[in-house]
């Protein structure tokens, strides 16, 4: 088994290495000093397992886990905080190590990884070069539009009942892990950091997804379904090959046969098929009723890269 230790603290990496060296089936141990270093090492080192610290400066372990290419190595989170540890499985980790841990606890985590690898449920990333980057589907090409005066639902849209809030979680049920704040996308000669709030919409392109932002569309080796599961409820699927971030939607226009087209504040039009249209409309209505995006969502600051908020828009409501 090949293991990559990802931790910004050298003593923590040294401890893990000493413990791992006592396991006879571990054939290679690598170290990464931060999330960017870890993602850059993945293609060449091809680990079976990441021992991933959550609390790291600039790029935390959750951002790294959300940025892993597909197929991804197994992940065991390492954390000093109980609340993160309890909720680690929400991020598809197979286990967690709560600091301080000992050889016995580490071995239990490794046994989980051994069992999963033996089942062949997840294969380690290949060390071979990735295939040539595909071209985005031209059917989703953005076309510039005048600025929309406000978010609106087309009067031609079929009325949809607002989404009712989910039942309150049990006091014994911890809240889910926070969605990642940024994604790391490998590019020639380095790593590009893409803020999640800047992603207007996402489309599939062969084995990749395109992250459409105002500054271009970098490609990630991910599945659309897998990425949406990591990004949280601010994103909604609108087509089998596309999804949008709710905060960027200015309106929806009805087309023939129940299909629609989403008009984004950045000027793009994104196809919305009848299969997903009712869910998109319901999510937009619920979003407007609740006053808009969560803290840190687009439009919550004066950053010029955030989508424009018009006076009177539901997103202008106070917290």
C-alpha atoms as a PDB file:
ATOM      1  CA  UNK A   1       0.000   0.000   0.000  1.00  0.00           C
ATOM      2  CA  UNK A   2       1.267   3.452  -0.950  1.00  0.00           C
ATOM      3  CA  UNK A   3       0.449   6.253   1.501  1.00  0.00           C
ATOM      4  CA  UNK A   4       0.798  10.020   1.210  1.00  0.00           C
ATOM      5  CA  UNK A   5       0.902  12.001   4.479  1.00  0.00           C
ATOM      6  CA  UNK A   6      -0.515  15.516   4.096  1.00  0.00           C
ATOM      7  CA  UNK A   7       0.131  17.823   7.067  1.00  0.00           C
ATOM      8  CA  UNK A   8       1.636  21.283   7.397  1.00  0.00           C
ATOM      9  CA  UNK A   9       3.390  20.382  10.685  1.00  0.00           C
ATOM     10  CA  UNK A  10       6.625  18.449  10.412  1.00  0.00           C
ATOM     11  CA  UNK A  11       6.344  16.731  13.839  1.00  0.00           C
ATOM     12  CA  UNK A  12       2.932  15.352  12.867  1.00  0.00           C
ATOM     13  CA  UNK A  13       4.317  13.977   9.596  1.00  0.00           C
ATOM     14  CA  UNK A  14       7.294  12.450  11.414  1.00  0.00           C
ATOM     15  CA  UNK A  15       5.042  10.680  13.909  1.00  0.00           C
ATOM     16  CA  UNK A  16       2.862   9.183  11.187  1.00  0.00           C
ATOM     17  CA  UNK A  17       5.902   8.046   9.243  1.00  0.00           C
ATOM     18  CA  UNK A  18       7.372   6.278  12.319  1.00  0.00           C
ATOM     19  CA  UNK A  19       4.104   4.441  12.928  1.00  0.00           C
ATOM     20  CA  UNK A  20       3.596   3.554   9.269  1.00  0.00           C
ATOM     21  CA  UNK A  21       7.100   2.095   9.008  1.00  0.00           C
ATOM     22  CA  UNK A  22       5.990  -0.621  11.442  1.00  0.00           C
ATOM     23  CA  UNK A  23       3.369  -1.900   8.970  1.00  0.00           C
ATOM     24  CA  UNK A  24       4.900  -4.594   6.705  1.00  0.00           C
ATOM     25  CA  UNK A  25       2.553  -4.133   3.730  1.00  0.00           C
ATOM     26  CA  UNK A  26       3.254  -0.415   3.236  1.00  0.00           C
ATOM     27  CA  UNK A  27       5.576  -0.168   0.258  1.00  0.00           C
ATOM     28  CA  UNK A  28       5.945   3.620  -0.051  1.00  0.00           C
ATOM     29  CA  UNK A  29       5.419   6.617   2.229  1.00  0.00           C
ATOM     30  CA  UNK A  30       5.321  10.119   0.806  1.00  0.00           C
ATOM     31  CA  UNK A  31       4.927  13.481   2.495  1.00  0.00           C
ATOM     32  CA  UNK A  32       3.226  16.716   1.431  1.00  0.00           C
ATOM     33  CA  UNK A  33       3.559  19.924   3.415  1.00  0.00           C
ATOM     34  CA  UNK A  34       0.204  21.353   2.279  1.00  0.00           C
ATOM     35  CA  UNK A  35      -2.775  20.726   0.019  1.00  0.00           C
ATOM     36  CA  UNK A  36      -1.209  22.153  -3.116  1.00  0.00           C
ATOM     37  CA  UNK A  37       1.890  20.010  -2.658  1.00  0.00           C
ATOM     38  CA  UNK A  38      -0.326  16.937  -2.181  1.00  0.00           C
ATOM     39  CA  UNK A  39      -2.299  17.471  -5.391  1.00  0.00           C
ATOM     40  CA  UNK A  40       0.882  18.110  -7.360  1.00  0.00           C
ATOM     41  CA  UNK A  41       2.359  14.822  -6.121  1.00  0.00           C
ATOM     42  CA  UNK A  42      -0.679  12.670  -6.932  1.00  0.00           C
ATOM     43  CA  UNK A  43       0.041  11.791 -10.588  1.00  0.00           C
ATOM     44  CA  UNK A  44       3.628  10.672 -10.003  1.00  0.00           C
ATOM     45  CA  UNK A  45       3.312   9.130  -6.547  1.00  0.00           C
ATOM     46  CA  UNK A  46      -0.086   7.437  -7.166  1.00  0.00           C
ATOM     47  CA  UNK A  47      -1.027   6.813  -3.513  1.00  0.00           C
ATOM     48  CA  UNK A  48      -3.596   4.253  -2.451  1.00  0.00           C
ATOM     49  CA  UNK A  49      -4.390   6.305   0.663  1.00  0.00           C
ATOM     50  CA  UNK A  50      -4.131   9.903   1.856  1.00  0.00           C
ATOM     51  CA  UNK A  51      -3.676  10.634   5.555  1.00  0.00           C
ATOM     52  CA  UNK A  52      -5.072  14.139   5.306  1.00  0.00           C
ATOM     53  CA  UNK A  53      -4.956  16.788   8.013  1.00  0.00           C
ATOM     54  CA  UNK A  54      -8.064  18.995   8.039  1.00  0.00           C
ATOM     55  CA  UNK A  55      -6.673  22.124   9.683  1.00  0.00           C
ATOM     56  CA  UNK A  56      -4.072  23.530   7.306  1.00  0.00           C
ATOM     57  CA  UNK A  57      -3.479  27.164   6.350  1.00  0.00           C
ATOM     58  CA  UNK A  58      -4.746  28.553   3.027  1.00  0.00           C
ATOM     59  CA  UNK A  59      -5.973  25.216   1.652  1.00  0.00           C
ATOM     60  CA  UNK A  60      -7.549  22.928   4.241  1.00  0.00           C
ATOM     61  CA  UNK A  61      -8.120  19.206   4.032  1.00  0.00           C
ATOM     62  CA  UNK A  62     -11.752  19.588   2.986  1.00  0.00           C
ATOM     63  CA  UNK A  63     -10.727  21.687  -0.027  1.00  0.00           C
ATOM     64  CA  UNK A  64      -8.138  19.054  -0.952  1.00  0.00           C
ATOM     65  CA  UNK A  65     -10.665  16.212  -0.670  1.00  0.00           C
ATOM     66  CA  UNK A  66     -13.104  18.113  -2.904  1.00  0.00           C
ATOM     67  CA  UNK A  67     -10.352  18.686  -5.487  1.00  0.00           C
ATOM     68  CA  UNK A  68      -9.170  15.089  -5.810  1.00  0.00           C
ATOM     69  CA  UNK A  69      -9.305  13.799  -9.393  1.00  0.00           C
ATOM     70  CA  UNK A  70     -11.367  10.772 -10.367  1.00  0.00           C
ATOM     71  CA  UNK A  71     -10.534   7.995  -9.663  1.00  0.00           C
ATOM     72  CA  UNK A  72      -9.369   9.217  -6.273  1.00  0.00           C
ATOM     73  CA  UNK A  73      -7.258   7.616  -3.556  1.00  0.00           C
ATOM     74  CA  UNK A  74      -8.888   6.623  -0.301  1.00  0.00           C
ATOM     75  CA  UNK A  75      -8.927   9.327   2.394  1.00  0.00           C
ATOM     76  CA  UNK A  76      -8.456   9.140   6.157  1.00  0.00           C
ATOM     77  CA  UNK A  77      -8.828  12.539   7.795  1.00  0.00           C
ATOM     78  CA  UNK A  78      -6.554  13.531  10.664  1.00  0.00           C
ATOM     79  CA  UNK A  79      -7.888  16.131  13.072  1.00  0.00           C
ATOM     80  CA  UNK A  80      -7.534  17.449  16.603  1.00  0.00           C
ATOM     81  CA  UNK A  81     -11.227  18.392  16.891  1.00  0.00           C
ATOM     82  CA  UNK A  82     -14.034  16.023  17.819  1.00  0.00           C
ATOM     83  CA  UNK A  83     -16.688  17.801  15.758  1.00  0.00           C
ATOM     84  CA  UNK A  84     -14.661  17.434  12.549  1.00  0.00           C
ATOM     85  CA  UNK A  85     -13.836  13.833  13.392  1.00  0.00           C
ATOM     86  CA  UNK A  86     -17.452  12.836  13.945  1.00  0.00           C
ATOM     87  CA  UNK A  87     -18.488  14.411  10.642  1.00  0.00           C
ATOM     88  CA  UNK A  88     -15.538  13.215   8.575  1.00  0.00           C
ATOM     89  CA  UNK A  89     -17.618  10.584   6.801  1.00  0.00           C
ATOM     90  CA  UNK A  90     -19.742  13.330   5.224  1.00  0.00           C
ATOM     91  CA  UNK A  91     -16.722  14.049   3.020  1.00  0.00           C
ATOM     92  CA  UNK A  92     -16.463  10.388   1.874  1.00  0.00           C
ATOM     93  CA  UNK A  93     -13.530   9.606   4.137  1.00  0.00           C
ATOM     94  CA  UNK A  94     -13.258   5.955   5.116  1.00  0.00           C
ATOM     95  CA  UNK A  95     -12.085   6.830   8.646  1.00  0.00           C
ATOM     96  CA  UNK A  96     -10.553   9.558  10.782  1.00  0.00           C
ATOM     97  CA  UNK A  97      -7.706   9.807  13.257  1.00  0.00           C
ATOM     98  CA  UNK A  98      -8.385  12.008  16.251  1.00  0.00           C
ATOM     99  CA  UNK A  99      -5.187  13.499  17.660  1.00  0.00           C
ATOM    100  CA  UNK A 100      -3.508  12.205  19.729  1.00  0.00           C
ATOM    101  CA  UNK A 101      -3.707   8.682  18.281  1.00  0.00           C
ATOM    102  CA  UNK A 102      -1.583   5.569  18.798  1.00  0.00           C
ATOM    103  CA  UNK A 103      -0.389   2.612  16.721  1.00  0.00           C
ATOM    104  CA  UNK A 104      -3.526   0.590  17.483  1.00  0.00           C
ATOM    105  CA  UNK A 105      -5.894   3.331  16.332  1.00  0.00           C
ATOM    106  CA  UNK A 106      -3.861   3.957  13.185  1.00  0.00           C
ATOM    107  CA  UNK A 107      -3.871   0.227  12.421  1.00  0.00           C
ATOM    108  CA  UNK A 108      -7.679   0.157  12.583  1.00  0.00           C
ATOM    109  CA  UNK A 109      -7.816   2.938  10.001  1.00  0.00           C
ATOM    110  CA  UNK A 110      -5.307   1.114   7.819  1.00  0.00           C
ATOM    111  CA  UNK A 111      -7.349  -2.089   8.101  1.00  0.00           C
ATOM    112  CA  UNK A 112     -10.343  -0.196   6.710  1.00  0.00           C
ATOM    113  CA  UNK A 113      -8.228   0.922   3.791  1.00  0.00           C
ATOM    114  CA  UNK A 114      -6.892  -2.603   3.233  1.00  0.00           C
ATOM    115  CA  UNK A 115     -10.416  -4.005   3.155  1.00  0.00           C
ATOM    116  CA  UNK A 116     -11.614  -1.340   0.730  1.00  0.00           C
ATOM    117  CA  UNK A 117      -8.662  -1.831  -1.593  1.00  0.00           C
ATOM    118  CA  UNK A 118      -9.130  -5.592  -1.485  1.00  0.00           C
ATOM    119  CA  UNK A 119     -12.719  -5.107  -2.625  1.00  0.00           C
ATOM    120  CA  UNK A 120     -11.505  -2.974  -5.485  1.00  0.00           C
ATOM    121  CA  UNK A 121     -14.115  -0.348  -4.624  1.00  0.00           C
ATOM    122  CA  UNK A 122     -11.750   2.521  -5.366  1.00  0.00           C
ATOM    123  CA  UNK A 123      -8.664   2.291  -7.521  1.00  0.00           C
ATOM    124  CA  UNK A 124      -5.652   4.540  -6.913  1.00  0.00           C
ATOM    125  CA  UNK A 125      -5.032   7.257  -9.492  1.00  0.00           C
ATOM    126  CA  UNK A 126      -2.924   6.156 -12.413  1.00  0.00           C
ATOM    127  CA  UNK A 127       0.598   7.432 -12.730  1.00  0.00           C
ATOM    128  CA  UNK A 128       0.173   7.564 -16.496  1.00  0.00           C
ATOM    129  CA  UNK A 129      -0.420  10.945 -18.115  1.00  0.00           C
ATOM    130  CA  UNK A 130      -4.009  12.156 -18.257  1.00  0.00           C
ATOM    131  CA  UNK A 131      -5.711  12.071 -21.683  1.00  0.00           C
ATOM    132  CA  UNK A 132      -5.828  15.237 -23.728  1.00  0.00           C
ATOM    133  CA  UNK A 133      -8.172  17.818 -22.329  1.00  0.00           C
ATOM    134  CA  UNK A 134     -11.552  17.725 -24.092  1.00  0.00           C
ATOM    135  CA  UNK A 135     -13.481  20.610 -25.548  1.00  0.00           C
ATOM    136  CA  UNK A 136     -16.563  21.830 -23.737  1.00  0.00           C
ATOM    137  CA  UNK A 137     -19.931  20.929 -25.242  1.00  0.00           C
ATOM    138  CA  UNK A 138     -20.784  23.711 -27.683  1.00  0.00           C
ATOM    139  CA  UNK A 139     -24.495  23.337 -26.902  1.00  0.00           C
ATOM    140  CA  UNK A 140     -23.862  25.140 -23.620  1.00  0.00           C
ATOM    141  CA  UNK A 141     -21.830  28.037 -25.025  1.00  0.00           C
ATOM    142  CA  UNK A 142     -22.519  31.273 -23.203  1.00  0.00           C
ATOM    143  CA  UNK A 143     -24.003  34.186 -25.102  1.00  0.00           C
ATOM    144  CA  UNK A 144     -23.752  37.744 -23.709  1.00  0.00           C
ATOM    145  CA  UNK A 145     -26.938  39.370 -22.442  1.00  0.00           C
ATOM    146  CA  UNK A 146     -27.824  42.771 -21.072  1.00  0.00           C
ATOM    147  CA  UNK A 147     -27.798  42.979 -17.292  1.00  0.00           C
ATOM    148  CA  UNK A 148     -31.030  41.655 -15.823  1.00  0.00           C
ATOM    149  CA  UNK A 149     -32.883  44.222 -13.655  1.00  0.00           C
ATOM    150  CA  UNK A 150     -33.598  41.627 -10.983  1.00  0.00           C
ATOM    151  CA  UNK A 151     -33.895  37.921 -10.415  1.00  0.00           C
ATOM    152  CA  UNK A 152     -37.262  36.890 -11.811  1.00  0.00           C
ATOM    153  CA  UNK A 153     -39.170  33.729 -12.601  1.00  0.00           C
ATOM    154  CA  UNK A 154     -40.740  33.780 -16.044  1.00  0.00           C
ATOM    155  CA  UNK A 155     -44.516  34.186 -16.033  1.00  0.00           C
ATOM    156  CA  UNK A 156     -44.585  31.338 -18.523  1.00  0.00           C
ATOM    157  CA  UNK A 157     -43.149  28.976 -15.952  1.00  0.00           C
ATOM    158  CA  UNK A 158     -45.401  26.359 -14.449  1.00  0.00           C
ATOM    159  CA  UNK A 159     -46.178  27.351 -10.821  1.00  0.00           C
ATOM    160  CA  UNK A 160     -44.282  25.267  -8.312  1.00  0.00           C
ATOM    161  CA  UNK A 161     -44.943  25.096  -4.593  1.00  0.00           C
ATOM    162  CA  UNK A 162     -42.083  26.537  -2.556  1.00  0.00           C
ATOM    163  CA  UNK A 163     -39.737  24.014  -1.033  1.00  0.00           C
ATOM    164  CA  UNK A 164     -40.541  23.479   2.615  1.00  0.00           C
ATOM    165  CA  UNK A 165     -37.605  23.693   5.025  1.00  0.00           C
ATOM    166  CA  UNK A 166     -36.167  20.372   6.059  1.00  0.00           C
ATOM    167  CA  UNK A 167     -37.063  19.011   9.441  1.00  0.00           C
ATOM    168  CA  UNK A 168     -34.819  20.200  12.218  1.00  0.00           C
ATOM    169  CA  UNK A 169     -31.912  17.904  12.848  1.00  0.00           C
ATOM    170  CA  UNK A 170     -31.787  15.900  16.023  1.00  0.00           C
ATOM    171  CA  UNK A 171     -29.663  17.464  18.774  1.00  0.00           C
ATOM    172  CA  UNK A 172     -27.542  14.303  18.593  1.00  0.00           C
ATOM    173  CA  UNK A 173     -26.969  14.717  14.843  1.00  0.00           C
ATOM    174  CA  UNK A 174     -23.930  16.901  14.100  1.00  0.00           C
ATOM    175  CA  UNK A 175     -24.265  19.396  11.252  1.00  0.00           C
ATOM    176  CA  UNK A 176     -22.593  18.416   7.983  1.00  0.00           C
ATOM    177  CA  UNK A 177     -19.062  19.418   7.187  1.00  0.00           C
ATOM    178  CA  UNK A 178     -18.883  22.845   5.558  1.00  0.00           C
ATOM    179  CA  UNK A 179     -18.705  22.927   1.790  1.00  0.00           C
ATOM    180  CA  UNK A 180     -15.263  23.706   0.371  1.00  0.00           C
ATOM    181  CA  UNK A 181     -14.446  27.394  -0.110  1.00  0.00           C
ATOM    182  CA  UNK A 182     -12.085  26.773  -3.019  1.00  0.00           C
ATOM    183  CA  UNK A 183     -11.039  24.104  -5.490  1.00  0.00           C
ATOM    184  CA  UNK A 184      -7.519  23.396  -6.688  1.00  0.00           C
ATOM    185  CA  UNK A 185      -7.216  22.714 -10.403  1.00  0.00           C
ATOM    186  CA  UNK A 186      -3.942  21.363 -11.854  1.00  0.00           C
ATOM    187  CA  UNK A 187      -2.610  23.441 -14.727  1.00  0.00           C
ATOM    188  CA  UNK A 188       0.615  23.307 -16.670  1.00  0.00           C
ATOM    189  CA  UNK A 189       3.385  24.374 -14.355  1.00  0.00           C
ATOM    190  CA  UNK A 190       1.292  24.703 -11.213  1.00  0.00           C
ATOM    191  CA  UNK A 191      -2.070  24.720  -9.493  1.00  0.00           C
ATOM    192  CA  UNK A 192      -4.948  27.143 -10.033  1.00  0.00           C
ATOM    193  CA  UNK A 193      -7.126  28.099  -7.066  1.00  0.00           C
ATOM    194  CA  UNK A 194     -10.794  28.638  -7.976  1.00  0.00           C
ATOM    195  CA  UNK A 195     -13.076  30.167  -5.362  1.00  0.00           C
ATOM    196  CA  UNK A 196     -16.340  28.241  -5.205  1.00  0.00           C
ATOM    197  CA  UNK A 197     -18.349  31.474  -4.980  1.00  0.00           C
ATOM    198  CA  UNK A 198     -16.918  32.509  -8.377  1.00  0.00           C
ATOM    199  CA  UNK A 199     -18.223  29.409 -10.175  1.00  0.00           C
ATOM    200  CA  UNK A 200     -21.291  30.486 -12.157  1.00  0.00           C
ATOM    201  CA  UNK A 201     -22.115  27.118 -13.694  1.00  0.00           C
ATOM    202  CA  UNK A 202     -20.573  23.722 -14.357  1.00  0.00           C
ATOM    203  CA  UNK A 203     -20.785  21.469 -17.397  1.00  0.00           C
ATOM    204  CA  UNK A 204     -19.470  18.049 -18.250  1.00  0.00           C
ATOM    205  CA  UNK A 205     -16.794  17.532 -20.906  1.00  0.00           C
ATOM    206  CA  UNK A 206     -15.954  13.855 -21.392  1.00  0.00           C
ATOM    207  CA  UNK A 207     -14.142  12.756 -18.207  1.00  0.00           C
ATOM    208  CA  UNK A 208     -13.858  16.331 -16.956  1.00  0.00           C
ATOM    209  CA  UNK A 209     -16.068  19.138 -15.712  1.00  0.00           C
ATOM    210  CA  UNK A 210     -15.702  22.766 -16.775  1.00  0.00           C
ATOM    211  CA  UNK A 211     -15.889  25.365 -13.990  1.00  0.00           C
ATOM    212  CA  UNK A 212     -17.298  28.451 -15.696  1.00  0.00           C
ATOM    213  CA  UNK A 213     -16.176  31.672 -14.026  1.00  0.00           C
ATOM    214  CA  UNK A 214     -15.756  35.266 -15.159  1.00  0.00           C
ATOM    215  CA  UNK A 215     -12.043  34.511 -15.660  1.00  0.00           C
ATOM    216  CA  UNK A 216     -12.334  31.415 -17.823  1.00  0.00           C
ATOM    217  CA  UNK A 217     -13.314  27.793 -17.546  1.00  0.00           C
ATOM    218  CA  UNK A 218     -10.679  25.514 -15.994  1.00  0.00           C
ATOM    219  CA  UNK A 219     -11.227  21.780 -16.253  1.00  0.00           C
ATOM    220  CA  UNK A 220     -11.229  19.309 -13.378  1.00  0.00           C
ATOM    221  CA  UNK A 221     -11.014  15.547 -13.693  1.00  0.00           C
ATOM    222  CA  UNK A 222     -14.247  14.917 -11.801  1.00  0.00           C
ATOM    223  CA  UNK A 223     -17.756  13.644 -12.421  1.00  0.00           C
ATOM    224  CA  UNK A 224     -20.530  16.212 -12.261  1.00  0.00           C
ATOM    225  CA  UNK A 225     -22.505  14.196  -9.694  1.00  0.00           C
ATOM    226  CA  UNK A 226     -19.442  13.685  -7.521  1.00  0.00           C
ATOM    227  CA  UNK A 227     -18.489  17.355  -7.548  1.00  0.00           C
ATOM    228  CA  UNK A 228     -22.032  18.531  -6.799  1.00  0.00           C
ATOM    229  CA  UNK A 229     -22.152  16.226  -3.778  1.00  0.00           C
ATOM    230  CA  UNK A 230     -19.077  18.022  -2.415  1.00  0.00           C
ATOM    231  CA  UNK A 231     -20.130  21.588  -3.226  1.00  0.00           C
ATOM    232  CA  UNK A 232     -23.336  21.595  -1.194  1.00  0.00           C
ATOM    233  CA  UNK A 233     -26.849  23.001  -1.700  1.00  0.00           C
ATOM    234  CA  UNK A 234     -25.887  26.277  -3.409  1.00  0.00           C
ATOM    235  CA  UNK A 235     -25.551  24.320  -6.661  1.00  0.00           C
ATOM    236  CA  UNK A 236     -28.455  22.676  -8.478  1.00  0.00           C
ATOM    237  CA  UNK A 237     -28.467  20.418 -11.505  1.00  0.00           C
ATOM    238  CA  UNK A 238     -30.380  21.885 -14.444  1.00  0.00           C
ATOM    239  CA  UNK A 239     -29.472  19.415 -17.184  1.00  0.00           C
ATOM    240  CA  UNK A 240     -27.893  15.979 -17.318  1.00  0.00           C
ATOM    241  CA  UNK A 241     -24.708  17.758 -18.405  1.00  0.00           C
ATOM    242  CA  UNK A 242     -24.914  21.015 -16.461  1.00  0.00           C
ATOM    243  CA  UNK A 243     -25.506  22.622 -13.070  1.00  0.00           C
ATOM    244  CA  UNK A 244     -25.710  26.241 -11.880  1.00  0.00           C
ATOM    245  CA  UNK A 245     -24.956  28.103  -8.671  1.00  0.00           C
ATOM    246  CA  UNK A 246     -28.231  29.563  -7.416  1.00  0.00           C
ATOM    247  CA  UNK A 247     -26.700  32.918  -6.517  1.00  0.00           C
ATOM    248  CA  UNK A 248     -25.780  33.545 -10.146  1.00  0.00           C
ATOM    249  CA  UNK A 249     -29.255  32.904 -11.599  1.00  0.00           C
ATOM    250  CA  UNK A 250     -31.078  36.074 -12.681  1.00  0.00           C
ATOM    251  CA  UNK A 251     -34.107  34.418 -14.255  1.00  0.00           C
ATOM    252  CA  UNK A 252     -35.537  31.487 -16.150  1.00  0.00           C
ATOM    253  CA  UNK A 253     -37.140  31.577 -19.577  1.00  0.00           C
ATOM    254  CA  UNK A 254     -39.611  28.906 -20.689  1.00  0.00           C
ATOM    255  CA  UNK A 255     -39.044  27.153 -24.004  1.00  0.00           C
ATOM    256  CA  UNK A 256     -41.024  24.569 -25.960  1.00  0.00           C
ATOM    257  CA  UNK A 257     -41.862  21.097 -24.641  1.00  0.00           C
ATOM    258  CA  UNK A 258     -41.285  22.023 -21.003  1.00  0.00           C
ATOM    259  CA  UNK A 259     -37.627  22.920 -21.400  1.00  0.00           C
ATOM    260  CA  UNK A 260     -36.197  26.225 -20.219  1.00  0.00           C
ATOM    261  CA  UNK A 261     -33.123  28.397 -20.271  1.00  0.00           C
ATOM    262  CA  UNK A 262     -31.476  29.902 -17.220  1.00  0.00           C
ATOM    263  CA  UNK A 263     -30.230  33.471 -17.553  1.00  0.00           C
ATOM    264  CA  UNK A 264     -27.164  34.080 -15.410  1.00  0.00           C
ATOM    265  CA  UNK A 265     -25.994  37.392 -14.014  1.00  0.00           C
ATOM    266  CA  UNK A 266     -22.681  36.924 -15.759  1.00  0.00           C
ATOM    267  CA  UNK A 267     -24.451  37.008 -19.133  1.00  0.00           C
ATOM    268  CA  UNK A 268     -24.576  33.277 -19.947  1.00  0.00           C
ATOM    269  CA  UNK A 269     -27.619  31.230 -20.886  1.00  0.00           C
ATOM    270  CA  UNK A 270     -27.637  27.650 -19.649  1.00  0.00           C
ATOM    271  CA  UNK A 271     -29.994  24.923 -20.838  1.00  0.00           C
ATOM    272  CA  UNK A 272     -32.555  23.703 -18.286  1.00  0.00           C
ATOM    273  CA  UNK A 273     -34.259  20.484 -19.338  1.00  0.00           C
ATOM    274  CA  UNK A 274     -37.808  19.643 -18.324  1.00  0.00           C
ATOM    275  CA  UNK A 275     -36.453  16.768 -16.217  1.00  0.00           C
ATOM    276  CA  UNK A 276     -34.783  19.252 -13.835  1.00  0.00           C
ATOM    277  CA  UNK A 277     -36.814  22.434 -14.382  1.00  0.00           C
ATOM    278  CA  UNK A 278     -39.357  21.987 -11.586  1.00  0.00           C
ATOM    279  CA  UNK A 279     -36.599  21.360  -9.051  1.00  0.00           C
ATOM    280  CA  UNK A 280     -34.641  24.406 -10.220  1.00  0.00           C
ATOM    281  CA  UNK A 281     -37.736  26.644  -9.993  1.00  0.00           C
ATOM    282  CA  UNK A 282     -38.571  25.305  -6.541  1.00  0.00           C
ATOM    283  CA  UNK A 283     -35.022  25.900  -5.332  1.00  0.00           C
ATOM    284  CA  UNK A 284     -35.061  29.458  -6.693  1.00  0.00           C
ATOM    285  CA  UNK A 285     -38.395  30.184  -5.002  1.00  0.00           C
ATOM    286  CA  UNK A 286     -37.171  28.784  -1.706  1.00  0.00           C
ATOM    287  CA  UNK A 287     -33.941  30.740  -2.063  1.00  0.00           C
ATOM    288  CA  UNK A 288     -35.868  33.988  -2.645  1.00  0.00           C
ATOM    289  CA  UNK A 289     -38.169  33.303   0.313  1.00  0.00           C
ATOM    290  CA  UNK A 290     -35.236  32.680   2.629  1.00  0.00           C
ATOM    291  CA  UNK A 291     -33.407  35.852   1.636  1.00  0.00           C
ATOM    292  CA  UNK A 292     -30.704  34.330  -0.556  1.00  0.00           C
ATOM    293  CA  UNK A 293     -27.256  32.896  -0.175  1.00  0.00           C
ATOM    294  CA  UNK A 294     -25.399  31.829   2.906  1.00  0.00           C
ATOM    295  CA  UNK A 295     -22.507  33.822   4.355  1.00  0.00           C
ATOM    296  CA  UNK A 296     -19.609  33.860   1.945  1.00  0.00           C
ATOM    297  CA  UNK A 297     -21.849  33.241  -1.066  1.00  0.00           C
ATOM    298  CA  UNK A 298     -21.559  35.413  -4.152  1.00  0.00           C
ATOM    299  CA  UNK A 299     -22.912  38.871  -3.577  1.00  0.00           C
ATOM    300  CA  UNK A 300     -22.296  38.778   0.161  1.00  0.00           C
ATOM    301  CA  UNK A 301     -19.313  41.075  -0.184  1.00  0.00           C
ATOM    302  CA  UNK A 302     -18.278  44.005  -2.326  1.00  0.00           C
ATOM    303  CA  UNK A 303     -15.853  41.921  -4.339  1.00  0.00           C
ATOM    304  CA  UNK A 304     -16.017  42.972  -7.951  1.00  0.00           C
ATOM    305  CA  UNK A 305     -15.912  39.357  -9.084  1.00  0.00           C
ATOM    306  CA  UNK A 306     -19.188  38.551  -7.319  1.00  0.00           C
ATOM    307  CA  UNK A 307     -22.449  38.654  -9.299  1.00  0.00           C
ATOM    308  CA  UNK A 308     -24.207  41.992  -9.267  1.00  0.00           C
ATOM    309  CA  UNK A 309     -27.085  42.425  -6.821  1.00  0.00           C
ATOM    310  CA  UNK A 310     -29.798  44.812  -7.903  1.00  0.00           C
ATOM    311  CA  UNK A 311     -31.755  46.937  -5.426  1.00  0.00           C
ATOM    312  CA  UNK A 312     -34.874  45.159  -4.368  1.00  0.00           C
ATOM    313  CA  UNK A 313     -33.496  41.747  -5.196  1.00  0.00           C
ATOM    314  CA  UNK A 314     -34.251  39.007  -2.626  1.00  0.00           C
ATOM    315  CA  UNK A 315     -30.505  38.786  -2.031  1.00  0.00           C
ATOM    316  CA  UNK A 316     -30.437  42.346  -0.740  1.00  0.00           C
ATOM    317  CA  UNK A 317     -32.393  41.342   2.338  1.00  0.00           C
ATOM    318  CA  UNK A 318     -30.524  41.547   5.604  1.00  0.00           C
ATOM    319  CA  UNK A 319     -29.329  38.489   7.491  1.00  0.00           C
END
